[in-house]
Structures are given as C-alpha cells and as structure tokens.
C-alpha cells in the first residue's frame, strides 16, 4: 500500500508500508506505528483508510470497532466517525485524525 503516484499529495511527507491491500482485506484492520502514533488501517468497499487508532472520546482502540456503510463505530461508547475523513457524527466526540 505504499508507493508513488503520478500526482502525489504535496502534504504527504512520507508513506509507511503496512502490507498489501489483500492482507488488510483478509486479516482485518492493521495497526501500524507512524511517528510514534498508532494508526489503524481499514479496508472497506474496495478502498483503504487510515485513522488514529485511539477514539478521541475515551481512548478505546478503534481497530476493535466496526465499519458499516462507511461509518467507523467505536465499541466502547459507540462514538461514530466517517471513515473517509474522520469527522464525528456525535457532538460529544471530537473528529478522529
């Protein structure tokens, strides 16, 4: 899942190899270390997404949550996040980076 594109994102400083798309699809969420921060990598509906692996509400590991219809749900207090951008649906939880 790392590599280059013909039109790289200028804000993207470094790619971190976490495995192949097939590995994430078959094995479920992967957790990788990105500059000392845990990042959860999900495969959903043919795309790959990465979010900080800590729920901003209470710190539960988001790789233990579920993804349905593009919504990542934390299993501790059911905070919900748009997987594609990290925005929260709930007023009591911050967005997940």
PDB file of N, CA and C in Angstrom:
ATOM      1  N   UNK A   1       0.797  -1.175   0.000  1.00  0.00           N
ATOM      2  CA  UNK A   1       0.000   0.000   0.000  1.00  0.00           C
ATOM      3  C   UNK A   1       0.849   1.251   0.000  1.00  0.00           C
ATOM      4  N   UNK A   2       2.129   1.098  -0.015  1.00  0.00           N
ATOM      5  CA  UNK A   2       2.955   2.282  -0.166  1.00  0.00           C
ATOM      6  C   UNK A   2       3.388   2.373  -1.610  1.00  0.00           C
ATOM      7  N   UNK A   3       3.850   3.518  -1.981  1.00  0.00           N
ATOM      8  CA  UNK A   3       4.307   3.691  -3.339  1.00  0.00           C
ATOM      9  C   UNK A   3       4.138   5.129  -3.751  1.00  0.00           C
ATOM     10  N   UNK A   4       4.287   5.376  -5.027  1.00  0.00           N
ATOM     11  CA  UNK A   4       4.145   6.731  -5.521  1.00  0.00           C
ATOM     12  C   UNK A   4       3.033   6.773  -6.539  1.00  0.00           C
ATOM     13  N   UNK A   5       2.532   7.960  -6.785  1.00  0.00           N
ATOM     14  CA  UNK A   5       1.530   8.160  -7.817  1.00  0.00           C
ATOM     15  C   UNK A   5       2.066   9.195  -8.785  1.00  0.00           C
ATOM     16  N   UNK A   6       1.384   9.347  -9.902  1.00  0.00           N
ATOM     17  CA  UNK A   6       1.829  10.337 -10.870  1.00  0.00           C
ATOM     18  C   UNK A   6       1.555  11.754 -10.382  1.00  0.00           C
ATOM     19  N   UNK A   7       0.633  11.920  -9.446  1.00  0.00           N
ATOM     20  CA  UNK A   7       0.297  13.236  -8.904  1.00  0.00           C
ATOM     21  C   UNK A   7       0.281  13.147  -7.381  1.00  0.00           C
ATOM     22  N   UNK A   8       1.451  13.132  -6.735  1.00  0.00           N
ATOM     23  CA  UNK A   8       1.492  12.934  -5.286  1.00  0.00           C
ATOM     24  C   UNK A   8       0.905  14.111  -4.525  1.00  0.00           C
ATOM     25  N   UNK A   9       0.363  13.825  -3.374  1.00  0.00           N
ATOM     26  CA  UNK A   9      -0.193  14.835  -2.478  1.00  0.00           C
ATOM     27  C   UNK A   9       0.960  15.653  -1.906  1.00  0.00           C
ATOM     28  N   UNK A  10       0.980  16.970  -2.111  1.00  0.00           N
ATOM     29  CA  UNK A  10       2.107  17.763  -1.608  1.00  0.00           C
ATOM     30  C   UNK A  10       2.185  17.799  -0.088  1.00  0.00           C
ATOM     31  N   UNK A  11       1.078  17.516   0.608  1.00  0.00           N
ATOM     32  CA  UNK A  11       1.082  17.497   2.069  1.00  0.00           C
ATOM     33  C   UNK A  11       1.602  16.180   2.631  1.00  0.00           C
ATOM     34  N   UNK A  12       1.716  15.183   1.786  1.00  0.00           N
ATOM     35  CA  UNK A  12       2.152  13.867   2.221  1.00  0.00           C
ATOM     36  C   UNK A  12       3.670  13.834   2.268  1.00  0.00           C
ATOM     37  N   UNK A  13       4.219  13.720   3.463  1.00  0.00           N
ATOM     38  CA  UNK A  13       5.667  13.753   3.614  1.00  0.00           C
ATOM     39  C   UNK A  13       6.301  12.375   3.475  1.00  0.00           C
ATOM     40  N   UNK A  14       5.613  11.344   3.936  1.00  0.00           N
ATOM     41  CA  UNK A  14       6.220  10.022   3.956  1.00  0.00           C
ATOM     42  C   UNK A  14       5.133   8.959   3.885  1.00  0.00           C
ATOM     43  N   UNK A  15       5.381   7.924   3.113  1.00  0.00           N
ATOM     44  CA  UNK A  15       4.483   6.778   3.069  1.00  0.00           C
ATOM     45  C   UNK A  15       5.043   5.699   3.973  1.00  0.00           C
ATOM     46  N   UNK A  16       4.168   5.000   4.659  1.00  0.00           N
ATOM     47  CA  UNK A  16       4.571   3.918   5.547  1.00  0.00           C
ATOM     48  C   UNK A  16       3.959   2.633   5.017  1.00  0.00           C
ATOM     49  N   UNK A  17       4.801   1.671   4.690  1.00  0.00           N
ATOM     50  CA  UNK A  17       4.309   0.395   4.178  1.00  0.00           C
ATOM     51  C   UNK A  17       3.696  -0.408   5.321  1.00  0.00           C
ATOM     52  N   UNK A  18       2.443  -0.804   5.158  1.00  0.00           N
ATOM     53  CA  UNK A  18       1.765  -1.593   6.191  1.00  0.00           C
ATOM     54  C   UNK A  18       1.352  -2.961   5.685  1.00  0.00           C
ATOM     55  N   UNK A  19       1.595  -3.239   4.434  1.00  0.00           N
ATOM     56  CA  UNK A  19       1.219  -4.518   3.871  1.00  0.00           C
ATOM     57  C   UNK A  19       0.440  -4.290   2.588  1.00  0.00           C
ATOM     58  N   UNK A  20      -0.008  -5.378   2.024  1.00  0.00           N
ATOM     59  CA  UNK A  20      -0.768  -5.273   0.781  1.00  0.00           C
ATOM     60  C   UNK A  20      -2.243  -5.033   1.080  1.00  0.00           C
ATOM     61  N   UNK A  21      -2.954  -4.552   0.082  1.00  0.00           N
ATOM     62  CA  UNK A  21      -4.398  -4.362   0.219  1.00  0.00           C
ATOM     63  C   UNK A  21      -5.057  -5.699   0.539  1.00  0.00           C
ATOM     64  N   UNK A  22      -4.587  -6.775  -0.100  1.00  0.00           N
ATOM     65  CA  UNK A  22      -5.155  -8.101   0.163  1.00  0.00           C
ATOM     66  C   UNK A  22      -4.981  -8.509   1.619  1.00  0.00           C
ATOM     67  N   UNK A  23      -3.826  -8.195   2.215  1.00  0.00           N
ATOM     68  CA  UNK A  23      -3.599  -8.538   3.627  1.00  0.00           C
ATOM     69  C   UNK A  23      -4.575  -7.800   4.535  1.00  0.00           C
ATOM     70  N   UNK A  24      -4.781  -6.523   4.288  1.00  0.00           N
ATOM     71  CA  UNK A  24      -5.716  -5.752   5.115  1.00  0.00           C
ATOM     72  C   UNK A  24      -7.136  -6.255   4.895  1.00  0.00           C
ATOM     73  N   UNK A  25      -7.488  -6.575   3.654  1.00  0.00           N
ATOM     74  CA  UNK A  25      -8.833  -7.063   3.343  1.00  0.00           C
ATOM     75  C   UNK A  25      -9.089  -8.410   4.032  1.00  0.00           C
ATOM     76  N   UNK A  26      -8.129  -9.316   3.999  1.00  0.00           N
ATOM     77  CA  UNK A  26      -8.319 -10.660   4.529  1.00  0.00           C
ATOM     78  C   UNK A  26      -8.144 -10.744   6.038  1.00  0.00           C
ATOM     79  N   UNK A  27      -7.231  -9.964   6.593  1.00  0.00           N
ATOM     80  CA  UNK A  27      -6.904 -10.086   8.014  1.00  0.00           C
ATOM     81  C   UNK A  27      -7.599  -9.055   8.886  1.00  0.00           C
ATOM     82  N   UNK A  28      -8.319  -8.145   8.288  1.00  0.00           N
ATOM     83  CA  UNK A  28      -8.974  -7.106   9.078  1.00  0.00           C
ATOM     84  C   UNK A  28      -8.051  -5.941   9.322  1.00  0.00           C
ATOM     85  N   UNK A  29      -8.469  -5.045  10.195  1.00  0.00           N
ATOM     86  CA  UNK A  29      -7.670  -3.842  10.430  1.00  0.00           C
ATOM     87  C   UNK A  29      -6.246  -4.163  10.878  1.00  0.00           C
ATOM     88  N   UNK A  30      -5.304  -3.388  10.356  1.00  0.00           N
ATOM     89  CA  UNK A  30      -3.904  -3.477  10.760  1.00  0.00           C
ATOM     90  C   UNK A  30      -3.599  -2.253  11.608  1.00  0.00           C
ATOM     91  N   UNK A  31      -2.751  -2.399  12.601  1.00  0.00           N
ATOM     92  CA  UNK A  31      -2.303  -1.261  13.393  1.00  0.00           C
ATOM     93  C   UNK A  31      -0.815  -1.090  13.153  1.00  0.00           C
ATOM     94  N   UNK A  32      -0.428   0.118  12.763  1.00  0.00           N
ATOM     95  CA  UNK A  32       0.972   0.419  12.485  1.00  0.00           C
ATOM     96  C   UNK A  32       1.404   1.620  13.314  1.00  0.00           C
ATOM     97  N   UNK A  33       2.712   1.764  13.447  1.00  0.00           N
ATOM     98  CA  UNK A  33       3.284   2.889  14.167  1.00  0.00           C
ATOM     99  C   UNK A  33       3.696   3.943  13.141  1.00  0.00           C
ATOM    100  N   UNK A  34       3.155   5.137  13.278  1.00  0.00           N
ATOM    101  CA  UNK A  34       3.504   6.240  12.388  1.00  0.00           C
ATOM    102  C   UNK A  34       4.044   7.381  13.236  1.00  0.00           C
ATOM    103  N   UNK A  35       5.348   7.527  13.244  1.00  0.00           N
ATOM    104  CA  UNK A  35       6.000   8.569  14.057  1.00  0.00           C
ATOM    105  C   UNK A  35       5.582   8.493  15.521  1.00  0.00           C
ATOM    106  N   UNK A  36       5.513   7.275  16.048  1.00  0.00           N
ATOM    107  CA  UNK A  36       5.176   7.080  17.453  1.00  0.00           C
ATOM    108  C   UNK A  36       3.691   7.080  17.753  1.00  0.00           C
ATOM    109  N   UNK A  37       2.861   7.195  16.729  1.00  0.00           N
ATOM    110  CA  UNK A  37       1.413   7.210  16.918  1.00  0.00           C
ATOM    111  C   UNK A  37       0.800   5.940  16.332  1.00  0.00           C
ATOM    112  N   UNK A  38      -0.139   5.308  17.045  1.00  0.00           N
ATOM    113  CA  UNK A  38      -0.804   4.127  16.498  1.00  0.00           C
ATOM    114  C   UNK A  38      -1.827   4.533  15.438  1.00  0.00           C
ATOM    115  N   UNK A  39      -1.744   3.888  14.285  1.00  0.00           N
ATOM    116  CA  UNK A  39      -2.657   4.169  13.181  1.00  0.00           C
ATOM    117  C   UNK A  39      -3.353   2.870  12.792  1.00  0.00           C
ATOM    118  N   UNK A  40      -4.682   2.918  12.721  1.00  0.00           N
ATOM    119  CA  UNK A  40      -5.467   1.761  12.291  1.00  0.00           C
ATOM    120  C   UNK A  40      -5.741   1.897  10.798  1.00  0.00           C
ATOM    121  N   UNK A  41      -5.486   0.823  10.056  1.00  0.00           N
ATOM    122  CA  UNK A  41      -5.690   0.811   8.613  1.00  0.00           C
ATOM    123  C   UNK A  41      -6.826  -0.164   8.316  1.00  0.00           C
ATOM    124  N   UNK A  42      -7.859   0.330   7.641  1.00  0.00           N
ATOM    125  CA  UNK A  42      -9.053  -0.451   7.331  1.00  0.00           C
ATOM    126  C   UNK A  42      -9.206  -0.603   5.827  1.00  0.00           C
ATOM    127  N   UNK A  43      -9.769  -1.735   5.402  1.00  0.00           N
ATOM    128  CA  UNK A  43     -10.197  -1.938   4.022  1.00  0.00           C
ATOM    129  C   UNK A  43     -11.716  -1.944   4.061  1.00  0.00           C
ATOM    130  N   UNK A  44     -12.328  -1.081   3.245  1.00  0.00           N
ATOM    131  CA  UNK A  44     -13.794  -1.011   3.229  1.00  0.00           C
ATOM    132  C   UNK A  44     -14.269  -0.673   1.825  1.00  0.00           C
ATOM    133  N   UNK A  45     -15.117  -1.526   1.292  1.00  0.00           N
ATOM    134  CA  UNK A  45     -15.727  -1.329  -0.022  1.00  0.00           C
ATOM    135  C   UNK A  45     -14.699  -0.979  -1.095  1.00  0.00           C
ATOM    136  N   UNK A  46     -13.587  -1.708  -1.096  1.00  0.00           N
ATOM    137  CA  UNK A  46     -12.578  -1.557  -2.135  1.00  0.00           C
ATOM    138  C   UNK A  46     -11.544  -0.472  -1.908  1.00  0.00           C
ATOM    139  N   UNK A  47     -11.685   0.299  -0.843  1.00  0.00           N
ATOM    140  CA  UNK A  47     -10.728   1.362  -0.550  1.00  0.00           C
ATOM    141  C   UNK A  47     -10.021   1.091   0.770  1.00  0.00           C
ATOM    142  N   UNK A  48      -8.896   1.765   0.969  1.00  0.00           N
ATOM    143  CA  UNK A  48      -8.119   1.628   2.195  1.00  0.00           C
ATOM    144  C   UNK A  48      -8.123   2.973   2.912  1.00  0.00           C
ATOM    145  N   UNK A  49      -8.349   2.932   4.225  1.00  0.00           N
ATOM    146  CA  UNK A  49      -8.426   4.138   5.047  1.00  0.00           C
ATOM    147  C   UNK A  49      -7.513   3.987   6.255  1.00  0.00           C
ATOM    148  N   UNK A  50      -6.962   5.093   6.713  1.00  0.00           N
ATOM    149  CA  UNK A  50      -6.116   5.083   7.906  1.00  0.00           C
ATOM    150  C   UNK A  50      -6.584   6.181   8.851  1.00  0.00           C
ATOM    151  N   UNK A  51      -6.737   5.832  10.125  1.00  0.00           N
ATOM    152  CA  UNK A  51      -7.134   6.795  11.154  1.00  0.00           C
ATOM    153  C   UNK A  51      -6.287   6.556  12.394  1.00  0.00           C
ATOM    154  N   UNK A  52      -6.187   7.570  13.220  1.00  0.00           N
ATOM    155  CA  UNK A  52      -5.506   7.408  14.509  1.00  0.00           C
ATOM    156  C   UNK A  52      -6.240   6.301  15.262  1.00  0.00           C
ATOM    157  N   UNK A  53      -5.504   5.389  15.874  1.00  0.00           N
ATOM    158  CA  UNK A  53      -6.115   4.210  16.485  1.00  0.00           C
ATOM    159  C   UNK A  53      -6.619   4.455  17.902  1.00  0.00           C
ATOM    160  N   UNK A  54      -6.935   5.665  18.228  1.00  0.00           N
ATOM    161  CA  UNK A  54      -7.434   5.952  19.569  1.00  0.00           C
ATOM    162  C   UNK A  54      -8.679   6.813  19.434  1.00  0.00           C
ATOM    163  N   UNK A  55      -9.785   6.328  19.977  1.00  0.00           N
ATOM    164  CA  UNK A  55     -11.020   7.097  19.932  1.00  0.00           C
ATOM    165  C   UNK A  55     -10.806   8.419  20.671  1.00  0.00           C
ATOM    166  N   UNK A  56     -11.128   9.548  20.034  1.00  0.00           N
ATOM    167  CA  UNK A  56     -10.929  10.834  20.697  1.00  0.00           C
ATOM    168  C   UNK A  56     -11.886  11.056  21.862  1.00  0.00           C
ATOM    169  N   UNK A  57     -12.913  10.240  21.961  1.00  0.00           N
ATOM    170  CA  UNK A  57     -13.857  10.381  23.068  1.00  0.00           C
ATOM    171  C   UNK A  57     -13.271   9.846  24.368  1.00  0.00           C
ATOM    172  N   UNK A  58     -12.835   8.579  24.376  1.00  0.00           N
ATOM    173  CA  UNK A  58     -12.334   7.977  25.614  1.00  0.00           C
ATOM    174  C   UNK A  58     -11.092   7.107  25.419  1.00  0.00           C
ATOM    175  N   UNK A  59     -10.507   7.103  24.230  1.00  0.00           N
ATOM    176  CA  UNK A  59      -9.233   6.430  24.029  1.00  0.00           C
ATOM    177  C   UNK A  59      -9.278   4.962  23.659  1.00  0.00           C
ATOM    178  N   UNK A  60     -10.445   4.400  23.408  1.00  0.00           N
ATOM    179  CA  UNK A  60     -10.551   2.985  23.046  1.00  0.00           C
ATOM    180  C   UNK A  60      -9.868   2.740  21.700  1.00  0.00           C
ATOM    181  N   UNK A  61      -9.202   1.592  21.518  1.00  0.00           N
ATOM    182  CA  UNK A  61      -8.550   1.288  20.239  1.00  0.00           C
ATOM    183  C   UNK A  61      -9.588   1.121  19.118  1.00  0.00           C
ATOM    184  N   UNK A  62      -9.535   1.971  18.124  1.00  0.00           N
ATOM    185  CA  UNK A  62     -10.544   1.950  17.064  1.00  0.00           C
ATOM    186  C   UNK A  62     -10.452   0.728  16.166  1.00  0.00           C
ATOM    187  N   UNK A  63      -9.304   0.040  16.144  1.00  0.00           N
ATOM    188  CA  UNK A  63      -9.243  -1.174  15.315  1.00  0.00           C
ATOM    189  C   UNK A  63     -10.180  -2.243  15.846  1.00  0.00           C
ATOM    190  N   UNK A  64     -10.652  -2.100  17.061  1.00  0.00           N
ATOM    191  CA  UNK A  64     -11.620  -3.040  17.639  1.00  0.00           C
ATOM    192  C   UNK A  64     -13.061  -2.664  17.314  1.00  0.00           C
ATOM    193  N   UNK A  65     -13.242  -1.539  16.640  1.00  0.00           N
ATOM    194  CA  UNK A  65     -14.583  -1.107  16.251  1.00  0.00           C
ATOM    195  C   UNK A  65     -15.045  -1.823  14.995  1.00  0.00           C
ATOM    196  N   UNK A  66     -16.187  -1.402  14.498  1.00  0.00           N
ATOM    197  CA  UNK A  66     -16.727  -1.985  13.272  1.00  0.00           C
ATOM    198  C   UNK A  66     -16.940  -0.884  12.243  1.00  0.00           C
ATOM    199  N   UNK A  67     -16.910  -1.288  10.979  1.00  0.00           N
ATOM    200  CA  UNK A  67     -17.173  -0.369   9.876  1.00  0.00           C
ATOM    201  C   UNK A  67     -18.372  -0.901   9.114  1.00  0.00           C
ATOM    202  N   UNK A  68     -19.369  -0.036   8.971  1.00  0.00           N
ATOM    203  CA  UNK A  68     -20.556  -0.388   8.213  1.00  0.00           C
ATOM    204  C   UNK A  68     -21.035   0.859   7.487  1.00  0.00           C
ATOM    205  N   UNK A  69     -21.269   0.722   6.195  1.00  0.00           N
ATOM    206  CA  UNK A  69     -21.721   1.852   5.374  1.00  0.00           C
ATOM    207  C   UNK A  69     -20.795   3.062   5.491  1.00  0.00           C
ATOM    208  N   UNK A  70     -19.497   2.820   5.608  1.00  0.00           N
ATOM    209  CA  UNK A  70     -18.524   3.900   5.671  1.00  0.00           C
ATOM    210  C   UNK A  70     -18.415   4.581   7.016  1.00  0.00           C
ATOM    211  N   UNK A  71     -19.074   4.028   8.025  1.00  0.00           N
ATOM    212  CA  UNK A  71     -19.053   4.614   9.365  1.00  0.00           C
ATOM    213  C   UNK A  71     -18.298   3.688  10.310  1.00  0.00           C
ATOM    214  N   UNK A  72     -17.253   4.226  10.940  1.00  0.00           N
ATOM    215  CA  UNK A  72     -16.475   3.503  11.944  1.00  0.00           C
ATOM    216  C   UNK A  72     -17.114   3.762  13.306  1.00  0.00           C
ATOM    217  N   UNK A  73     -17.509   2.691  13.984  1.00  0.00           N
ATOM    218  CA  UNK A  73     -18.141   2.814  15.295  1.00  0.00           C
ATOM    219  C   UNK A  73     -17.223   2.256  16.361  1.00  0.00           C
ATOM    220  N   UNK A  74     -16.904   3.071  17.349  1.00  0.00           N
ATOM    221  CA  UNK A  74     -16.117   2.641  18.499  1.00  0.00           C
ATOM    222  C   UNK A  74     -17.005   1.766  19.374  1.00  0.00           C
ATOM    223  N   UNK A  75     -16.480   0.649  19.829  1.00  0.00           N
ATOM    224  CA  UNK A  75     -17.303  -0.274  20.603  1.00  0.00           C
ATOM    225  C   UNK A  75     -17.387   0.047  22.084  1.00  0.00           C
ATOM    226  N   UNK A  76     -16.699   1.079  22.536  1.00  0.00           N
ATOM    227  CA  UNK A  76     -16.763   1.390  23.956  1.00  0.00           C
ATOM    228  C   UNK A  76     -18.000   2.225  24.281  1.00  0.00           C
ATOM    229  N   UNK A  77     -18.113   3.402  23.662  1.00  0.00           N
ATOM    230  CA  UNK A  77     -19.269   4.262  23.916  1.00  0.00           C
ATOM    231  C   UNK A  77     -20.040   4.571  22.638  1.00  0.00           C
ATOM    232  N   UNK A  78     -19.750   3.828  21.586  1.00  0.00           N
ATOM    233  CA  UNK A  78     -20.465   3.915  20.308  1.00  0.00           C
ATOM    234  C   UNK A  78     -20.323   5.255  19.602  1.00  0.00           C
ATOM    235  N   UNK A  79     -19.183   5.925  19.796  1.00  0.00           N
ATOM    236  CA  UNK A  79     -18.892   7.124  19.009  1.00  0.00           C
ATOM    237  C   UNK A  79     -18.755   6.697  17.550  1.00  0.00           C
ATOM    238  N   UNK A  80     -19.263   7.511  16.643  1.00  0.00           N
ATOM    239  CA  UNK A  80     -19.277   7.177  15.217  1.00  0.00           C
ATOM    240  C   UNK A  80     -18.495   8.211  14.417  1.00  0.00           C
ATOM    241  N   UNK A  81     -17.737   7.694  13.424  1.00  0.00           N
ATOM    242  CA  UNK A  81     -16.870   8.547  12.619  1.00  0.00           C
ATOM    243  C   UNK A  81     -17.000   8.191  11.145  1.00  0.00           C
ATOM    244  N   UNK A  82     -17.001   9.204  10.300  1.00  0.00           N
ATOM    245  CA  UNK A  82     -16.969   9.000   8.854  1.00  0.00           C
ATOM    246  C   UNK A  82     -15.577   8.481   8.513  1.00  0.00           C
ATOM    247  N   UNK A  83     -15.494   7.254   8.013  1.00  0.00           N
ATOM    248  CA  UNK A  83     -14.197   6.625   7.780  1.00  0.00           C
ATOM    249  C   UNK A  83     -13.366   7.393   6.750  1.00  0.00           C
ATOM    250  N   UNK A  84     -14.000   7.987   5.773  1.00  0.00           N
ATOM    251  CA  UNK A  84     -13.256   8.652   4.699  1.00  0.00           C
ATOM    252  C   UNK A  84     -12.558   9.937   5.130  1.00  0.00           C
ATOM    253  N   UNK A  85     -13.028  10.570   6.218  1.00  0.00           N
ATOM    254  CA  UNK A  85     -12.416  11.848   6.612  1.00  0.00           C
ATOM    255  C   UNK A  85     -12.212  12.005   8.116  1.00  0.00           C
ATOM    256  N   UNK A  86     -12.792  11.114   8.932  1.00  0.00           N
ATOM    257  CA  UNK A  86     -12.613  11.170  10.380  1.00  0.00           C
ATOM    258  C   UNK A  86     -13.603  12.046  11.115  1.00  0.00           C
ATOM    259  N   UNK A  87     -14.515  12.689  10.391  1.00  0.00           N
ATOM    260  CA  UNK A  87     -15.499  13.547  11.050  1.00  0.00           C
ATOM    261  C   UNK A  87     -16.419  12.720  11.940  1.00  0.00           C
ATOM    262  N   UNK A  88     -16.774  13.279  13.093  1.00  0.00           N
ATOM    263  CA  UNK A  88     -17.665  12.588  14.016  1.00  0.00           C
ATOM    264  C   UNK A  88     -19.123  12.907  13.702  1.00  0.00           C
ATOM    265  N   UNK A  89     -19.996  11.989  14.052  1.00  0.00           N
ATOM    266  CA  UNK A  89     -21.435  12.207  13.941  1.00  0.00           C
ATOM    267  C   UNK A  89     -22.024  12.622  15.286  1.00  0.00           C
ATOM    268  N   UNK A  90     -21.237  12.538  16.333  1.00  0.00           N
ATOM    269  CA  UNK A  90     -21.740  12.730  17.691  1.00  0.00           C
ATOM    270  C   UNK A  90     -21.151  13.990  18.321  1.00  0.00           C
ATOM    271  N   UNK A  91     -21.992  14.835  18.930  1.00  0.00           N
ATOM    272  CA  UNK A  91     -21.498  16.096  19.492  1.00  0.00           C
ATOM    273  C   UNK A  91     -20.554  15.923  20.680  1.00  0.00           C
ATOM    274  N   UNK A  92     -20.550  14.772  21.318  1.00  0.00           N
ATOM    275  CA  UNK A  92     -19.714  14.539  22.498  1.00  0.00           C
ATOM    276  C   UNK A  92     -18.367  13.916  22.159  1.00  0.00           C
ATOM    277  N   UNK A  93     -18.083  13.713  20.883  1.00  0.00           N
ATOM    278  CA  UNK A  93     -16.786  13.152  20.468  1.00  0.00           C
ATOM    279  C   UNK A  93     -16.141  14.089  19.452  1.00  0.00           C
ATOM    280  N   UNK A  94     -14.829  14.244  19.544  1.00  0.00           N
ATOM    281  CA  UNK A  94     -14.094  15.035  18.554  1.00  0.00           C
ATOM    282  C   UNK A  94     -13.867  14.205  17.297  1.00  0.00           C
ATOM    283  N   UNK A  95     -13.495  14.873  16.211  1.00  0.00           N
ATOM    284  CA  UNK A  95     -13.129  14.166  14.986  1.00  0.00           C
ATOM    285  C   UNK A  95     -11.882  13.334  15.245  1.00  0.00           C
ATOM    286  N   UNK A  96     -11.758  12.226  14.521  1.00  0.00           N
ATOM    287  CA  UNK A  96     -10.569  11.385  14.637  1.00  0.00           C
ATOM    288  C   UNK A  96      -9.622  11.741  13.484  1.00  0.00           C
ATOM    289  N   UNK A  97      -8.347  11.998  13.803  1.00  0.00           N
ATOM    290  CA  UNK A  97      -7.411  12.342  12.715  1.00  0.00           C
ATOM    291  C   UNK A  97      -7.069  11.132  11.863  1.00  0.00           C
TER     292      UNK A  97
END
